[in-house]
N, C-alpha and C. Protein backbone atom coordinates (compact mmCIF):
# COMPACT_ATOMS: atom_id res chain seq x y z
N MET A 1 94.35 87.97 129.81
CA MET A 1 93.92 87.34 128.59
C MET A 1 95.11 86.64 127.95
N THR A 2 94.94 85.41 127.61
CA THR A 2 96.01 84.65 126.99
C THR A 2 95.85 84.66 125.48
N THR A 3 96.81 84.11 124.81
CA THR A 3 96.76 84.05 123.35
C THR A 3 95.62 83.16 122.88
N ALA A 4 95.30 82.14 123.66
CA ALA A 4 94.21 81.24 123.28
C ALA A 4 92.85 81.93 123.35
N ASP A 5 92.73 82.96 124.18
CA ASP A 5 91.46 83.68 124.31
C ASP A 5 91.25 84.71 123.21
N HIS A 6 92.27 84.96 122.43
CA HIS A 6 92.20 85.98 121.39
C HIS A 6 91.31 85.48 120.25
N HIS A 7 90.38 86.31 119.82
CA HIS A 7 89.48 85.95 118.73
C HIS A 7 90.09 86.40 117.41
N PRO A 8 90.32 85.48 116.47
CA PRO A 8 90.98 85.87 115.21
C PRO A 8 90.17 86.83 114.37
N GLU A 9 88.83 86.84 114.49
CA GLU A 9 88.06 87.74 113.65
C GLU A 9 88.25 89.20 114.04
N SER A 10 88.68 89.48 115.27
CA SER A 10 88.90 90.86 115.65
C SER A 10 90.13 91.46 114.99
N SER A 11 91.12 90.62 114.64
CA SER A 11 92.32 91.13 114.01
C SER A 11 92.14 91.32 112.50
N THR A 12 91.11 90.74 111.91
CA THR A 12 90.89 90.88 110.47
C THR A 12 89.87 91.97 110.16
N ARG A 13 89.48 92.73 111.14
CA ARG A 13 88.53 93.82 110.95
C ARG A 13 89.14 94.88 110.04
N PRO A 14 88.39 95.38 109.07
CA PRO A 14 88.96 96.40 108.17
C PRO A 14 89.24 97.68 108.94
N PRO A 15 90.19 98.49 108.47
CA PRO A 15 90.50 99.74 109.16
C PRO A 15 89.32 100.70 109.12
N ALA A 16 89.24 101.53 110.13
CA ALA A 16 88.14 102.49 110.22
C ALA A 16 88.25 103.51 109.10
N GLY A 17 87.11 103.90 108.55
CA GLY A 17 87.08 104.94 107.54
C GLY A 17 87.25 106.30 108.20
N PHE A 18 87.13 107.35 107.41
CA PHE A 18 87.34 108.70 107.92
C PHE A 18 86.37 109.04 109.06
N ARG A 19 85.12 108.70 108.90
CA ARG A 19 84.12 109.05 109.92
C ARG A 19 84.29 108.29 111.22
N ASP A 20 84.82 107.06 111.14
CA ASP A 20 84.97 106.23 112.32
C ASP A 20 86.35 106.31 112.95
N ALA A 21 87.29 106.99 112.31
CA ALA A 21 88.65 107.06 112.81
C ALA A 21 88.75 108.08 113.94
N SER A 22 89.59 107.77 114.90
CA SER A 22 89.83 108.71 116.00
C SER A 22 90.79 109.80 115.54
N PRO A 23 90.82 110.93 116.24
CA PRO A 23 91.79 111.98 115.88
C PRO A 23 93.23 111.47 115.90
N HIS A 24 93.52 110.57 116.83
CA HIS A 24 94.88 110.01 116.88
C HIS A 24 95.21 109.23 115.61
N GLU A 25 94.26 108.42 115.13
CA GLU A 25 94.49 107.66 113.90
C GLU A 25 94.69 108.58 112.70
N LEU A 26 93.92 109.67 112.64
CA LEU A 26 94.08 110.62 111.54
C LEU A 26 95.43 111.33 111.61
N PHE A 27 95.86 111.66 112.83
CA PHE A 27 97.18 112.28 113.01
C PHE A 27 98.29 111.33 112.57
N VAL A 28 98.17 110.07 112.94
CA VAL A 28 99.17 109.07 112.54
C VAL A 28 99.18 108.94 111.02
N ASP A 29 98.01 108.98 110.38
CA ASP A 29 97.95 108.92 108.91
C ASP A 29 98.73 110.08 108.30
N CYS A 30 98.63 111.25 108.89
CA CYS A 30 99.34 112.43 108.36
C CYS A 30 100.85 112.30 108.55
N CYS A 31 101.27 111.59 109.58
CA CYS A 31 102.71 111.47 109.87
C CYS A 31 103.38 110.32 109.14
N ARG A 32 102.63 109.35 108.72
CA ARG A 32 103.25 108.17 108.10
C ARG A 32 103.70 108.48 106.67
N LEU A 33 104.74 107.79 106.24
CA LEU A 33 105.28 108.02 104.89
C LEU A 33 104.43 107.36 103.82
N GLY A 34 103.87 106.20 104.13
CA GLY A 34 103.05 105.48 103.17
C GLY A 34 101.61 105.95 103.20
N PRO A 35 100.78 105.35 102.36
CA PRO A 35 99.39 105.78 102.27
C PRO A 35 98.58 105.39 103.50
N ALA A 36 97.50 106.10 103.71
CA ALA A 36 96.57 105.80 104.80
C ALA A 36 95.81 104.51 104.47
N PRO A 37 95.19 103.89 105.48
CA PRO A 37 94.51 102.61 105.23
C PRO A 37 93.30 102.68 104.30
N THR A 38 92.65 103.84 104.19
CA THR A 38 91.48 103.96 103.33
C THR A 38 91.62 105.20 102.44
N ARG A 39 90.85 105.20 101.34
CA ARG A 39 90.87 106.35 100.43
C ARG A 39 90.41 107.63 101.13
N SER A 40 89.36 107.53 101.93
CA SER A 40 88.83 108.72 102.58
C SER A 40 89.84 109.32 103.54
N ARG A 41 90.57 108.47 104.25
CA ARG A 41 91.59 108.98 105.16
C ARG A 41 92.77 109.56 104.40
N GLU A 42 93.07 109.02 103.23
CA GLU A 42 94.14 109.58 102.41
C GLU A 42 93.73 110.95 101.85
N LEU A 43 92.47 111.10 101.48
CA LEU A 43 91.98 112.41 101.04
C LEU A 43 92.08 113.43 102.17
N PHE A 44 91.82 112.99 103.39
CA PHE A 44 91.98 113.87 104.55
C PHE A 44 93.44 114.31 104.68
N VAL A 45 94.37 113.38 104.52
CA VAL A 45 95.80 113.71 104.60
C VAL A 45 96.18 114.71 103.52
N ILE A 46 95.68 114.53 102.32
CA ILE A 46 95.98 115.46 101.23
C ILE A 46 95.44 116.85 101.55
N GLY A 47 94.23 116.92 102.07
CA GLY A 47 93.65 118.21 102.43
C GLY A 47 94.42 118.91 103.54
N VAL A 48 94.80 118.16 104.57
CA VAL A 48 95.57 118.74 105.68
C VAL A 48 96.93 119.22 105.17
N SER A 49 97.56 118.45 104.31
CA SER A 49 98.86 118.84 103.76
C SER A 49 98.75 120.13 102.95
N ALA A 50 97.68 120.26 102.18
CA ALA A 50 97.49 121.48 101.38
C ALA A 50 97.29 122.70 102.28
N VAL A 51 96.49 122.53 103.33
CA VAL A 51 96.25 123.65 104.26
C VAL A 51 97.55 124.03 104.98
N LEU A 52 98.30 123.05 105.46
CA LEU A 52 99.56 123.34 106.15
C LEU A 52 100.56 124.01 105.22
N LEU A 53 100.61 123.58 103.98
CA LEU A 53 101.51 124.20 103.01
C LEU A 53 101.11 125.66 102.75
N ALA A 54 99.81 125.90 102.61
CA ALA A 54 99.34 127.28 102.39
C ALA A 54 99.65 128.17 103.59
N VAL A 55 99.45 127.66 104.80
CA VAL A 55 99.76 128.44 106.01
C VAL A 55 101.26 128.71 106.09
N LEU A 56 102.06 127.72 105.80
CA LEU A 56 103.51 127.89 105.82
C LEU A 56 103.96 128.94 104.82
N PHE A 57 103.41 128.90 103.62
CA PHE A 57 103.76 129.91 102.62
C PHE A 57 103.27 131.30 103.02
N ALA A 58 102.12 131.39 103.67
CA ALA A 58 101.61 132.69 104.10
C ALA A 58 102.48 133.29 105.20
N ILE A 59 103.00 132.45 106.07
CA ILE A 59 103.82 132.95 107.17
C ILE A 59 105.22 133.33 106.68
N LEU A 60 105.83 132.48 105.86
CA LEU A 60 107.21 132.69 105.45
C LEU A 60 107.36 133.63 104.25
N THR A 61 106.35 133.77 103.44
CA THR A 61 106.37 134.55 102.19
C THR A 61 107.65 134.31 101.38
N PRO A 62 107.85 133.06 100.93
CA PRO A 62 109.04 132.75 100.14
C PRO A 62 108.91 133.27 98.70
N THR A 63 109.99 133.11 97.95
CA THR A 63 109.97 133.54 96.55
C THR A 63 109.07 132.60 95.74
N ALA A 64 108.66 133.06 94.59
CA ALA A 64 107.75 132.30 93.75
C ALA A 64 108.38 130.98 93.28
N GLY A 65 109.66 131.01 92.97
CA GLY A 65 110.34 129.79 92.54
C GLY A 65 110.36 128.73 93.62
N PHE A 66 110.59 129.16 94.85
CA PHE A 66 110.59 128.22 95.98
C PHE A 66 109.19 127.63 96.18
N VAL A 67 108.17 128.47 96.08
CA VAL A 67 106.79 128.00 96.24
C VAL A 67 106.47 126.95 95.19
N VAL A 68 106.84 127.21 93.94
CA VAL A 68 106.58 126.26 92.86
C VAL A 68 107.33 124.96 93.09
N ALA A 69 108.59 125.05 93.49
CA ALA A 69 109.40 123.84 93.69
C ALA A 69 108.84 122.98 94.83
N VAL A 70 108.54 123.59 95.94
CA VAL A 70 108.02 122.84 97.10
C VAL A 70 106.64 122.27 96.79
N THR A 71 105.80 123.04 96.12
CA THR A 71 104.46 122.56 95.77
C THR A 71 104.55 121.37 94.82
N CYS A 72 105.43 121.43 93.84
CA CYS A 72 105.61 120.31 92.92
C CYS A 72 106.08 119.07 93.66
N PHE A 73 107.03 119.23 94.58
CA PHE A 73 107.52 118.11 95.36
C PHE A 73 106.41 117.48 96.19
N VAL A 74 105.62 118.30 96.87
CA VAL A 74 104.54 117.78 97.71
C VAL A 74 103.47 117.10 96.86
N VAL A 75 103.13 117.67 95.72
CA VAL A 75 102.14 117.07 94.84
C VAL A 75 102.63 115.71 94.33
N LEU A 76 103.88 115.63 93.93
CA LEU A 76 104.42 114.35 93.46
C LEU A 76 104.45 113.31 94.58
N TYR A 77 104.77 113.74 95.78
CA TYR A 77 104.77 112.83 96.93
C TYR A 77 103.36 112.32 97.21
N MET A 78 102.37 113.20 97.17
CA MET A 78 100.98 112.79 97.42
C MET A 78 100.47 111.87 96.31
N VAL A 79 100.85 112.14 95.07
CA VAL A 79 100.47 111.25 93.96
C VAL A 79 101.09 109.88 94.17
N GLY A 80 102.33 109.85 94.61
CA GLY A 80 102.98 108.57 94.89
C GLY A 80 102.28 107.80 95.99
N ARG A 81 101.88 108.50 97.05
CA ARG A 81 101.13 107.85 98.14
C ARG A 81 99.82 107.29 97.60
N TRP A 82 99.13 108.06 96.76
CA TRP A 82 97.85 107.62 96.21
C TRP A 82 98.03 106.38 95.32
N VAL A 83 99.06 106.38 94.49
CA VAL A 83 99.32 105.24 93.60
C VAL A 83 99.63 103.99 94.41
N VAL A 84 100.48 104.11 95.41
CA VAL A 84 100.81 102.96 96.24
C VAL A 84 99.57 102.45 96.97
N GLY A 85 98.76 103.34 97.47
CA GLY A 85 97.53 102.92 98.15
C GLY A 85 96.57 102.23 97.21
N THR A 86 96.44 102.74 96.00
CA THR A 86 95.52 102.15 95.03
C THR A 86 96.00 100.77 94.61
N ARG A 87 97.29 100.61 94.43
CA ARG A 87 97.81 99.32 93.95
C ARG A 87 97.95 98.28 95.04
N THR A 88 98.14 98.70 96.27
CA THR A 88 98.39 97.70 97.33
C THR A 88 97.28 97.62 98.36
N LYS A 89 97.04 98.69 99.07
CA LYS A 89 96.13 98.62 100.22
C LYS A 89 94.65 98.61 99.85
N TRP A 90 94.24 99.53 99.01
CA TRP A 90 92.81 99.73 98.79
C TRP A 90 92.23 98.76 97.80
N ALA A 91 93.02 98.17 96.94
CA ALA A 91 92.51 97.25 95.91
C ALA A 91 92.14 95.89 96.49
N LYS A 92 92.54 95.61 97.71
CA LYS A 92 92.27 94.31 98.31
C LYS A 92 90.83 94.16 98.79
N ARG A 93 90.11 95.27 98.85
CA ARG A 93 88.75 95.19 99.35
C ARG A 93 87.75 95.10 98.26
C-alpha cells in the first residue's frame, strides 16, 4: 500500500471509547503520563489506579502519614490529568 492509497478519513476517526477499546489500549492509557483519549477511558484509569494503590497499601502496610501523602499526590496527579483532558482533548468533540 502506498501513501496515495491511504484514505484520509481513516486517520480522522475518533478514538475508541471504553467499550470499544482493546485491553492493550486501556493498558497504554494507564501507563501514559497525559490523559486518556476519552473521558470513559480516563475514568477507567482512575479506577485502576485506586485499586492498585489500595492493594499496594494492603501489602506494604505503611504508616498513616505515608498513606495520606501518597494518596494526596496520586489524587492531585489524577485531577491534573482530568483538567488537561477536559481543556485539550475532550473539549474538541
